[in-house]
Amino acid sequence: MTNYPFADLRQLLLGLGFEMKVMPGSCIAFEHGPAHARLVLEPLADGDSVDPATLAIVGRNLDERGILSRARFEELLQKHPLAG
């Protein structure tokens, strides 16, 4: 799961129905109204890699909220050409 760009994670979350809200200088929130889910992430540039711990937290939350199974999330991460 190393070298997974923030831009790809953002696109994945938006594709799952999340809305992105930028809190200038502090964080980026992704909210999924129907599932009552909120993911708060540190602000990263599009090309910056998301750390493995953050990816694990995102995967767990997607699974717990019934948005995407953890196994499917892992599959999507592995399909990325830079994934380790």
PDB file of N, CA and C in Angstrom:
ATOM      1  N   MET A   1       0.806  -1.202   0.000  1.00  0.00           N
ATOM      2  CA  MET A   1       0.000   0.000   0.000  1.00  0.00           C
ATOM      3  C   MET A   1       0.848   1.266   0.000  1.00  0.00           C
ATOM      4  N   THR A   2       2.113   1.176  -0.209  1.00  0.00           N
ATOM      5  CA  THR A   2       2.940   2.368  -0.207  1.00  0.00           C
ATOM      6  C   THR A   2       2.783   3.119  -1.520  1.00  0.00           C
ATOM      7  N   ASN A   3       3.143   4.394  -1.499  1.00  0.00           N
ATOM      8  CA  ASN A   3       3.107   5.246  -2.681  1.00  0.00           C
ATOM      9  C   ASN A   3       1.728   5.352  -3.318  1.00  0.00           C
ATOM     10  N   TYR A   4       0.694   5.425  -2.519  1.00  0.00           N
ATOM     11  CA  TYR A   4      -0.652   5.624  -3.049  1.00  0.00           C
ATOM     12  C   TYR A   4      -0.938   7.114  -3.007  1.00  0.00           C
ATOM     13  N   PRO A   5      -1.028   7.784  -4.171  1.00  0.00           N
ATOM     14  CA  PRO A   5      -1.182   9.234  -4.209  1.00  0.00           C
ATOM     15  C   PRO A   5      -2.518   9.708  -3.638  1.00  0.00           C
ATOM     16  N   PHE A   6      -2.452  10.850  -2.986  1.00  0.00           N
ATOM     17  CA  PHE A   6      -3.663  11.442  -2.422  1.00  0.00           C
ATOM     18  C   PHE A   6      -4.705  11.678  -3.510  1.00  0.00           C
ATOM     19  N   ALA A   7      -4.281  12.104  -4.702  1.00  0.00           N
ATOM     20  CA  ALA A   7      -5.230  12.366  -5.794  1.00  0.00           C
ATOM     21  C   ALA A   7      -6.057  11.119  -6.105  1.00  0.00           C
ATOM     22  N   ASP A   8      -5.438   9.946  -6.051  1.00  0.00           N
ATOM     23  CA  ASP A   8      -6.157   8.704  -6.332  1.00  0.00           C
ATOM     24  C   ASP A   8      -7.132   8.359  -5.210  1.00  0.00           C
ATOM     25  N   LEU A   9      -6.715   8.590  -3.977  1.00  0.00           N
ATOM     26  CA  LEU A   9      -7.626   8.330  -2.860  1.00  0.00           C
ATOM     27  C   LEU A   9      -8.817   9.279  -2.925  1.00  0.00           C
ATOM     28  N   ARG A  10      -8.548  10.540  -3.226  1.00  0.00           N
ATOM     29  CA  ARG A  10      -9.639  11.513  -3.353  1.00  0.00           C
ATOM     30  C   ARG A  10     -10.636  11.062  -4.416  1.00  0.00           C
ATOM     31  N   GLN A  11     -10.130  10.647  -5.588  1.00  0.00           N
ATOM     32  CA  GLN A  11     -11.015  10.207  -6.667  1.00  0.00           C
ATOM     33  C   GLN A  11     -11.812   8.967  -6.267  1.00  0.00           C
ATOM     34  N   LEU A  12     -11.185   8.056  -5.548  1.00  0.00           N
ATOM     35  CA  LEU A  12     -11.870   6.856  -5.076  1.00  0.00           C
ATOM     36  C   LEU A  12     -13.024   7.239  -4.147  1.00  0.00           C
ATOM     37  N   LEU A  13     -12.742   8.110  -3.193  1.00  0.00           N
ATOM     38  CA  LEU A  13     -13.774   8.512  -2.231  1.00  0.00           C
ATOM     39  C   LEU A  13     -14.903   9.280  -2.919  1.00  0.00           C
ATOM     40  N   LEU A  14     -14.558  10.172  -3.816  1.00  0.00           N
ATOM     41  CA  LEU A  14     -15.594  10.914  -4.543  1.00  0.00           C
ATOM     42  C   LEU A  14     -16.443   9.956  -5.374  1.00  0.00           C
ATOM     43  N   GLY A  15     -15.822   8.958  -5.959  1.00  0.00           N
ATOM     44  CA  GLY A  15     -16.549   7.958  -6.734  1.00  0.00           C
ATOM     45  C   GLY A  15     -17.488   7.104  -5.899  1.00  0.00           C
ATOM     46  N   LEU A  16     -17.198   7.018  -4.609  1.00  0.00           N
ATOM     47  CA  LEU A  16     -18.052   6.253  -3.690  1.00  0.00           C
ATOM     48  C   LEU A  16     -19.174   7.112  -3.110  1.00  0.00           C
ATOM     49  N   GLY A  17     -19.249   8.365  -3.532  1.00  0.00           N
ATOM     50  CA  GLY A  17     -20.331   9.233  -3.082  1.00  0.00           C
ATOM     51  C   GLY A  17     -19.971  10.199  -1.975  1.00  0.00           C
ATOM     52  N   PHE A  18     -18.701  10.302  -1.634  1.00  0.00           N
ATOM     53  CA  PHE A  18     -18.280  11.266  -0.626  1.00  0.00           C
ATOM     54  C   PHE A  18     -18.239  12.662  -1.233  1.00  0.00           C
ATOM     55  N   GLU A  19     -18.443  13.659  -0.394  1.00  0.00           N
ATOM     56  CA  GLU A  19     -18.248  15.053  -0.765  1.00  0.00           C
ATOM     57  C   GLU A  19     -17.031  15.552  -0.011  1.00  0.00           C
ATOM     58  N   MET A  20     -16.198  16.326  -0.696  1.00  0.00           N
ATOM     59  CA  MET A  20     -14.976  16.833  -0.084  1.00  0.00           C
ATOM     60  C   MET A  20     -15.186  18.266   0.383  1.00  0.00           C
ATOM     61  N   LYS A  21     -14.746  18.522   1.624  1.00  0.00           N
ATOM     62  CA  LYS A  21     -14.801  19.860   2.191  1.00  0.00           C
ATOM     63  C   LYS A  21     -13.410  20.204   2.708  1.00  0.00           C
ATOM     64  N   VAL A  22     -12.849  21.279   2.173  1.00  0.00           N
ATOM     65  CA  VAL A  22     -11.509  21.696   2.567  1.00  0.00           C
ATOM     66  C   VAL A  22     -11.613  22.712   3.685  1.00  0.00           C
ATOM     67  N   MET A  23     -10.927  22.440   4.778  1.00  0.00           N
ATOM     68  CA  MET A  23     -10.829  23.366   5.887  1.00  0.00           C
ATOM     69  C   MET A  23      -9.449  24.001   5.774  1.00  0.00           C
ATOM     70  N   PRO A  24      -9.345  25.202   5.209  1.00  0.00           N
ATOM     71  CA  PRO A  24      -8.037  25.801   4.912  1.00  0.00           C
ATOM     72  C   PRO A  24      -7.067  25.740   6.087  1.00  0.00           C
ATOM     73  N   GLY A  25      -5.883  25.219   5.777  1.00  0.00           N
ATOM     74  CA  GLY A  25      -4.813  25.168   6.758  1.00  0.00           C
ATOM     75  C   GLY A  25      -4.920  24.096   7.818  1.00  0.00           C
ATOM     76  N   SER A  26      -6.006  23.323   7.817  1.00  0.00           N
ATOM     77  CA  SER A  26      -6.127  22.356   8.905  1.00  0.00           C
ATOM     78  C   SER A  26      -6.362  20.925   8.437  1.00  0.00           C
ATOM     79  N   CYS A  27      -7.386  20.687   7.631  1.00  0.00           N
ATOM     80  CA  CYS A  27      -7.698  19.314   7.242  1.00  0.00           C
ATOM     81  C   CYS A  27      -8.623  19.302   6.034  1.00  0.00           C
ATOM     82  N   ILE A  28      -8.828  18.114   5.519  1.00  0.00           N
ATOM     83  CA  ILE A  28      -9.780  17.877   4.449  1.00  0.00           C
ATOM     84  C   ILE A  28     -10.766  16.836   4.966  1.00  0.00           C
ATOM     85  N   ALA A  29     -12.040  17.150   4.863  1.00  0.00           N
ATOM     86  CA  ALA A  29     -13.069  16.220   5.320  1.00  0.00           C
ATOM     87  C   ALA A  29     -13.798  15.637   4.121  1.00  0.00           C
ATOM     88  N   PHE A  30     -14.017  14.347   4.163  1.00  0.00           N
ATOM     89  CA  PHE A  30     -14.836  13.660   3.168  1.00  0.00           C
ATOM     90  C   PHE A  30     -16.074  13.161   3.901  1.00  0.00           C
ATOM     91  N   GLU A  31     -17.245  13.582   3.426  1.00  0.00           N
ATOM     92  CA  GLU A  31     -18.494  13.217   4.093  1.00  0.00           C
ATOM     93  C   GLU A  31     -19.384  12.419   3.150  1.00  0.00           C
ATOM     94  N   HIS A  32     -19.976  11.373   3.701  1.00  0.00           N
ATOM     95  CA  HIS A  32     -20.899  10.509   2.954  1.00  0.00           C
ATOM     96  C   HIS A  32     -22.219  10.539   3.710  1.00  0.00           C
ATOM     97  N   GLY A  33     -23.128  11.390   3.241  1.00  0.00           N
ATOM     98  CA  GLY A  33     -24.398  11.601   3.930  1.00  0.00           C
ATOM     99  C   GLY A  33     -25.208  10.342   4.179  1.00  0.00           C
ATOM    100  N   PRO A  34     -25.488   9.541   3.135  1.00  0.00           N
ATOM    101  CA  PRO A  34     -26.328   8.362   3.345  1.00  0.00           C
ATOM    102  C   PRO A  34     -25.782   7.385   4.391  1.00  0.00           C
ATOM    103  N   ALA A  35     -24.460   7.272   4.478  1.00  0.00           N
ATOM    104  CA  ALA A  35     -23.854   6.340   5.428  1.00  0.00           C
ATOM    105  C   ALA A  35     -23.464   7.018   6.734  1.00  0.00           C
ATOM    106  N   HIS A  36     -23.717   8.311   6.837  1.00  0.00           N
ATOM    107  CA  HIS A  36     -23.338   9.082   8.035  1.00  0.00           C
ATOM    108  C   HIS A  36     -21.861   8.871   8.358  1.00  0.00           C
ATOM    109  N   ALA A  37     -21.035   8.959   7.314  1.00  0.00           N
ATOM    110  CA  ALA A  37     -19.597   8.740   7.478  1.00  0.00           C
ATOM    111  C   ALA A  37     -18.837  10.033   7.242  1.00  0.00           C
ATOM    112  N   ARG A  38     -17.792  10.230   8.018  1.00  0.00           N
ATOM    113  CA  ARG A  38     -16.896  11.368   7.834  1.00  0.00           C
ATOM    114  C   ARG A  38     -15.466  10.893   8.029  1.00  0.00           C
ATOM    115  N   LEU A  39     -14.641  11.206   7.049  1.00  0.00           N
ATOM    116  CA  LEU A  39     -13.213  10.918   7.116  1.00  0.00           C
ATOM    117  C   LEU A  39     -12.487  12.254   7.120  1.00  0.00           C
ATOM    118  N   VAL A  40     -11.666  12.481   8.112  1.00  0.00           N
ATOM    119  CA  VAL A  40     -10.909  13.720   8.213  1.00  0.00           C
ATOM    120  C   VAL A  40      -9.441  13.376   7.996  1.00  0.00           C
ATOM    121  N   LEU A  41      -8.859  13.983   6.963  1.00  0.00           N
ATOM    122  CA  LEU A  41      -7.489  13.678   6.579  1.00  0.00           C
ATOM    123  C   LEU A  41      -6.635  14.934   6.600  1.00  0.00           C
ATOM    124  N   GLU A  42      -5.342  14.731   6.751  1.00  0.00           N
ATOM    125  CA  GLU A  42      -4.426  15.862   6.678  1.00  0.00           C
ATOM    126  C   GLU A  42      -4.394  16.355   5.239  1.00  0.00           C
ATOM    127  N   PRO A  43      -4.196  17.660   5.053  1.00  0.00           N
ATOM    128  CA  PRO A  43      -4.145  18.180   3.679  1.00  0.00           C
ATOM    129  C   PRO A  43      -2.851  17.743   2.995  1.00  0.00           C
ATOM    130  N   LEU A  44      -2.996  17.127   1.847  1.00  0.00           N
ATOM    131  CA  LEU A  44      -1.850  16.668   1.068  1.00  0.00           C
ATOM    132  C   LEU A  44      -1.972  17.205  -0.353  1.00  0.00           C
ATOM    133  N   ALA A  45      -0.843  17.366  -1.018  1.00  0.00           N
ATOM    134  CA  ALA A  45      -0.847  17.712  -2.434  1.00  0.00           C
ATOM    135  C   ALA A  45      -1.233  16.463  -3.225  1.00  0.00           C
ATOM    136  N   ASP A  46      -1.739  16.661  -4.424  1.00  0.00           N
ATOM    137  CA  ASP A  46      -2.197  15.528  -5.236  1.00  0.00           C
ATOM    138  C   ASP A  46      -1.160  14.426  -5.380  1.00  0.00           C
ATOM    139  N   GLY A  47       0.096  14.770  -5.570  1.00  0.00           N
ATOM    140  CA  GLY A  47       1.141  13.774  -5.779  1.00  0.00           C
ATOM    141  C   GLY A  47       1.719  13.178  -4.512  1.00  0.00           C
ATOM    142  N   ASP A  48       1.362  13.737  -3.356  1.00  0.00           N
ATOM    143  CA  ASP A  48       1.866  13.202  -2.084  1.00  0.00           C
ATOM    144  C   ASP A  48       1.263  11.834  -1.809  1.00  0.00           C
ATOM    145  N   SER A  49       2.065  10.971  -1.218  1.00  0.00           N
ATOM    146  CA  SER A  49       1.594   9.630  -0.859  1.00  0.00           C
ATOM    147  C   SER A  49       0.840   9.651   0.461  1.00  0.00           C
ATOM    148  N   VAL A  50      -0.228   8.875   0.507  1.00  0.00           N
ATOM    149  CA  VAL A  50      -0.996   8.704   1.735  1.00  0.00           C
ATOM    150  C   VAL A  50      -0.312   7.603   2.542  1.00  0.00           C
ATOM    151  N   ASP A  51      -0.069   7.861   3.817  1.00  0.00           N
ATOM    152  CA  ASP A  51       0.655   6.867   4.609  1.00  0.00           C
ATOM    153  C   ASP A  51      -0.201   5.620   4.841  1.00  0.00           C
ATOM    154  N   PRO A  52       0.446   4.463   5.014  1.00  0.00           N
ATOM    155  CA  PRO A  52      -0.272   3.199   5.184  1.00  0.00           C
ATOM    156  C   PRO A  52      -1.258   3.204   6.354  1.00  0.00           C
ATOM    157  N   ALA A  53      -0.940   3.882   7.442  1.00  0.00           N
ATOM    158  CA  ALA A  53      -1.854   3.912   8.584  1.00  0.00           C
ATOM    159  C   ALA A  53      -3.153   4.619   8.212  1.00  0.00           C
ATOM    160  N   THR A  54      -3.046   5.703   7.466  1.00  0.00           N
ATOM    161  CA  THR A  54      -4.241   6.431   7.030  1.00  0.00           C
ATOM    162  C   THR A  54      -5.072   5.572   6.095  1.00  0.00           C
ATOM    163  N   LEU A  55      -4.419   4.878   5.168  1.00  0.00           N
ATOM    164  CA  LEU A  55      -5.152   3.985   4.263  1.00  0.00           C
ATOM    165  C   LEU A  55      -5.879   2.889   5.041  1.00  0.00           C
ATOM    166  N   ALA A  56      -5.245   2.364   6.075  1.00  0.00           N
ATOM    167  CA  ALA A  56      -5.881   1.327   6.897  1.00  0.00           C
ATOM    168  C   ALA A  56      -7.115   1.879   7.603  1.00  0.00           C
ATOM    169  N   ILE A  57      -7.012   3.105   8.110  1.00  0.00           N
ATOM    170  CA  ILE A  57      -8.150   3.736   8.791  1.00  0.00           C
ATOM    171  C   ILE A  57      -9.290   3.975   7.808  1.00  0.00           C
ATOM    172  N   VAL A  58      -8.953   4.465   6.615  1.00  0.00           N
ATOM    173  CA  VAL A  58      -9.980   4.704   5.597  1.00  0.00           C
ATOM    174  C   VAL A  58     -10.666   3.385   5.248  1.00  0.00           C
ATOM    175  N   GLY A  59      -9.886   2.337   5.005  1.00  0.00           N
ATOM    176  CA  GLY A  59     -10.462   1.037   4.666  1.00  0.00           C
ATOM    177  C   GLY A  59     -11.376   0.498   5.751  1.00  0.00           C
ATOM    178  N   ARG A  60     -10.956   0.633   6.994  1.00  0.00           N
ATOM    179  CA  ARG A  60     -11.777   0.166   8.117  1.00  0.00           C
ATOM    180  C   ARG A  60     -13.091   0.938   8.185  1.00  0.00           C
ATOM    181  N   ASN A  61     -13.018   2.245   8.025  1.00  0.00           N
ATOM    182  CA  ASN A  61     -14.231   3.062   8.093  1.00  0.00           C
ATOM    183  C   ASN A  61     -15.185   2.783   6.945  1.00  0.00           C
ATOM    184  N   LEU A  62     -14.658   2.603   5.744  1.00  0.00           N
ATOM    185  CA  LEU A  62     -15.520   2.268   4.615  1.00  0.00           C
ATOM    186  C   LEU A  62     -16.252   0.954   4.862  1.00  0.00           C
ATOM    187  N   ASP A  63     -15.540  -0.012   5.419  1.00  0.00           N
ATOM    188  CA  ASP A  63     -16.125  -1.313   5.711  1.00  0.00           C
ATOM    189  C   ASP A  63     -17.168  -1.220   6.829  1.00  0.00           C
ATOM    190  N   GLU A  64     -16.824  -0.541   7.910  1.00  0.00           N
ATOM    191  CA  GLU A  64     -17.734  -0.434   9.052  1.00  0.00           C
ATOM    192  C   GLU A  64     -19.025   0.301   8.703  1.00  0.00           C
ATOM    193  N   ARG A  65     -18.954   1.235   7.781  1.00  0.00           N
ATOM    194  CA  ARG A  65     -20.137   2.004   7.376  1.00  0.00           C
ATOM    195  C   ARG A  65     -20.903   1.356   6.233  1.00  0.00           C
ATOM    196  N   GLY A  66     -20.414   0.215   5.757  1.00  0.00           N
ATOM    197  CA  GLY A  66     -21.116  -0.509   4.697  1.00  0.00           C
ATOM    198  C   GLY A  66     -20.986   0.123   3.322  1.00  0.00           C
ATOM    199  N   ILE A  67     -19.959   0.947   3.131  1.00  0.00           N
ATOM    200  CA  ILE A  67     -19.760   1.624   1.855  1.00  0.00           C
ATOM    201  C   ILE A  67     -18.974   0.749   0.894  1.00  0.00           C
ATOM    202  N   LEU A  68     -17.921   0.118   1.386  1.00  0.00           N
ATOM    203  CA  LEU A  68     -17.051  -0.725   0.575  1.00  0.00           C
ATOM    204  C   LEU A  68     -16.344  -1.692   1.514  1.00  0.00           C
ATOM    205  N   SER A  69     -16.335  -2.956   1.149  1.00  0.00           N
ATOM    206  CA  SER A  69     -15.676  -3.932   2.029  1.00  0.00           C
ATOM    207  C   SER A  69     -14.175  -3.648   2.092  1.00  0.00           C
ATOM    208  N   ARG A  70     -13.599  -4.015   3.209  1.00  0.00           N
ATOM    209  CA  ARG A  70     -12.159  -3.824   3.381  1.00  0.00           C
ATOM    210  C   ARG A  70     -11.381  -4.605   2.321  1.00  0.00           C
ATOM    211  N   ALA A  71     -11.858  -5.793   2.002  1.00  0.00           N
ATOM    212  CA  ALA A  71     -11.184  -6.609   0.988  1.00  0.00           C
ATOM    213  C   ALA A  71     -11.219  -5.923  -0.378  1.00  0.00           C
ATOM    214  N   ARG A  72     -12.359  -5.348  -0.726  1.00  0.00           N
ATOM    215  CA  ARG A  72     -12.471  -4.656  -2.025  1.00  0.00           C
ATOM    216  C   ARG A  72     -11.599  -3.405  -2.036  1.00  0.00           C
ATOM    217  N   PHE A  73     -11.539  -2.689  -0.928  1.00  0.00           N
ATOM    218  CA  PHE A  73     -10.678  -1.515  -0.815  1.00  0.00           C
ATOM    219  C   PHE A  73      -9.222  -1.914  -1.048  1.00  0.00           C
ATOM    220  N   GLU A  74      -8.802  -2.994  -0.421  1.00  0.00           N
ATOM    221  CA  GLU A  74      -7.436  -3.486  -0.593  1.00  0.00           C
ATOM    222  C   GLU A  74      -7.168  -3.860  -2.053  1.00  0.00           C
ATOM    223  N   GLU A  75      -8.148  -4.483  -2.702  1.00  0.00           N
ATOM    224  CA  GLU A  75      -7.995  -4.826  -4.112  1.00  0.00           C
ATOM    225  C   GLU A  75      -7.784  -3.579  -4.954  1.00  0.00           C
ATOM    226  N   LEU A  76      -8.566  -2.552  -4.686  1.00  0.00           N
ATOM    227  CA  LEU A  76      -8.438  -1.308  -5.442  1.00  0.00           C
ATOM    228  C   LEU A  76      -7.079  -0.657  -5.230  1.00  0.00           C
ATOM    229  N   LEU A  77      -6.571  -0.723  -4.012  1.00  0.00           N
ATOM    230  CA  LEU A  77      -5.252  -0.170  -3.741  1.00  0.00           C
ATOM    231  C   LEU A  77      -4.175  -0.940  -4.485  1.00  0.00           C
ATOM    232  N   GLN A  78      -4.307  -2.251  -4.544  1.00  0.00           N
ATOM    233  CA  GLN A  78      -3.303  -3.080  -5.208  1.00  0.00           C
ATOM    234  C   GLN A  78      -3.312  -2.888  -6.725  1.00  0.00           C
ATOM    235  N   LYS A  79      -4.427  -2.460  -7.295  1.00  0.00           N
ATOM    236  CA  LYS A  79      -4.502  -2.246  -8.742  1.00  0.00           C
ATOM    237  C   LYS A  79      -3.768  -0.983  -9.163  1.00  0.00           C
ATOM    238  N   HIS A  80      -3.446  -0.140  -8.208  1.00  0.00           N
ATOM    239  CA  HIS A  80      -2.734   1.096  -8.534  1.00  0.00           C
ATOM    240  C   HIS A  80      -1.315   0.729  -8.987  1.00  0.00           C
ATOM    241  N   PRO A  81      -0.823   1.318 -10.070  1.00  0.00           N
ATOM    242  CA  PRO A  81       0.485   0.930 -10.600  1.00  0.00           C
ATOM    243  C   PRO A  81       1.665   1.182  -9.669  1.00  0.00           C
ATOM    244  N   LEU A  82       1.537   2.098  -8.714  1.00  0.00           N
ATOM    245  CA  LEU A  82       2.653   2.383  -7.801  1.00  0.00           C
ATOM    246  C   LEU A  82       2.529   1.647  -6.478  1.00  0.00           C
ATOM    247  N   ALA A  83       1.425   0.945  -6.276  1.00  0.00           N
ATOM    248  CA  ALA A  83       1.205   0.271  -4.991  1.00  0.00           C
ATOM    249  C   ALA A  83       2.295  -0.762  -4.749  1.00  0.00           C
ATOM    250  N   GLY A  84       2.685  -0.865  -3.469  1.00  0.00           N
ATOM    251  CA  GLY A  84       3.786  -1.768  -3.132  1.00  0.00           C
ATOM    252  C   GLY A  84       3.377  -3.120  -2.872  1.00  0.00           C
TER     253      GLY A  84
END
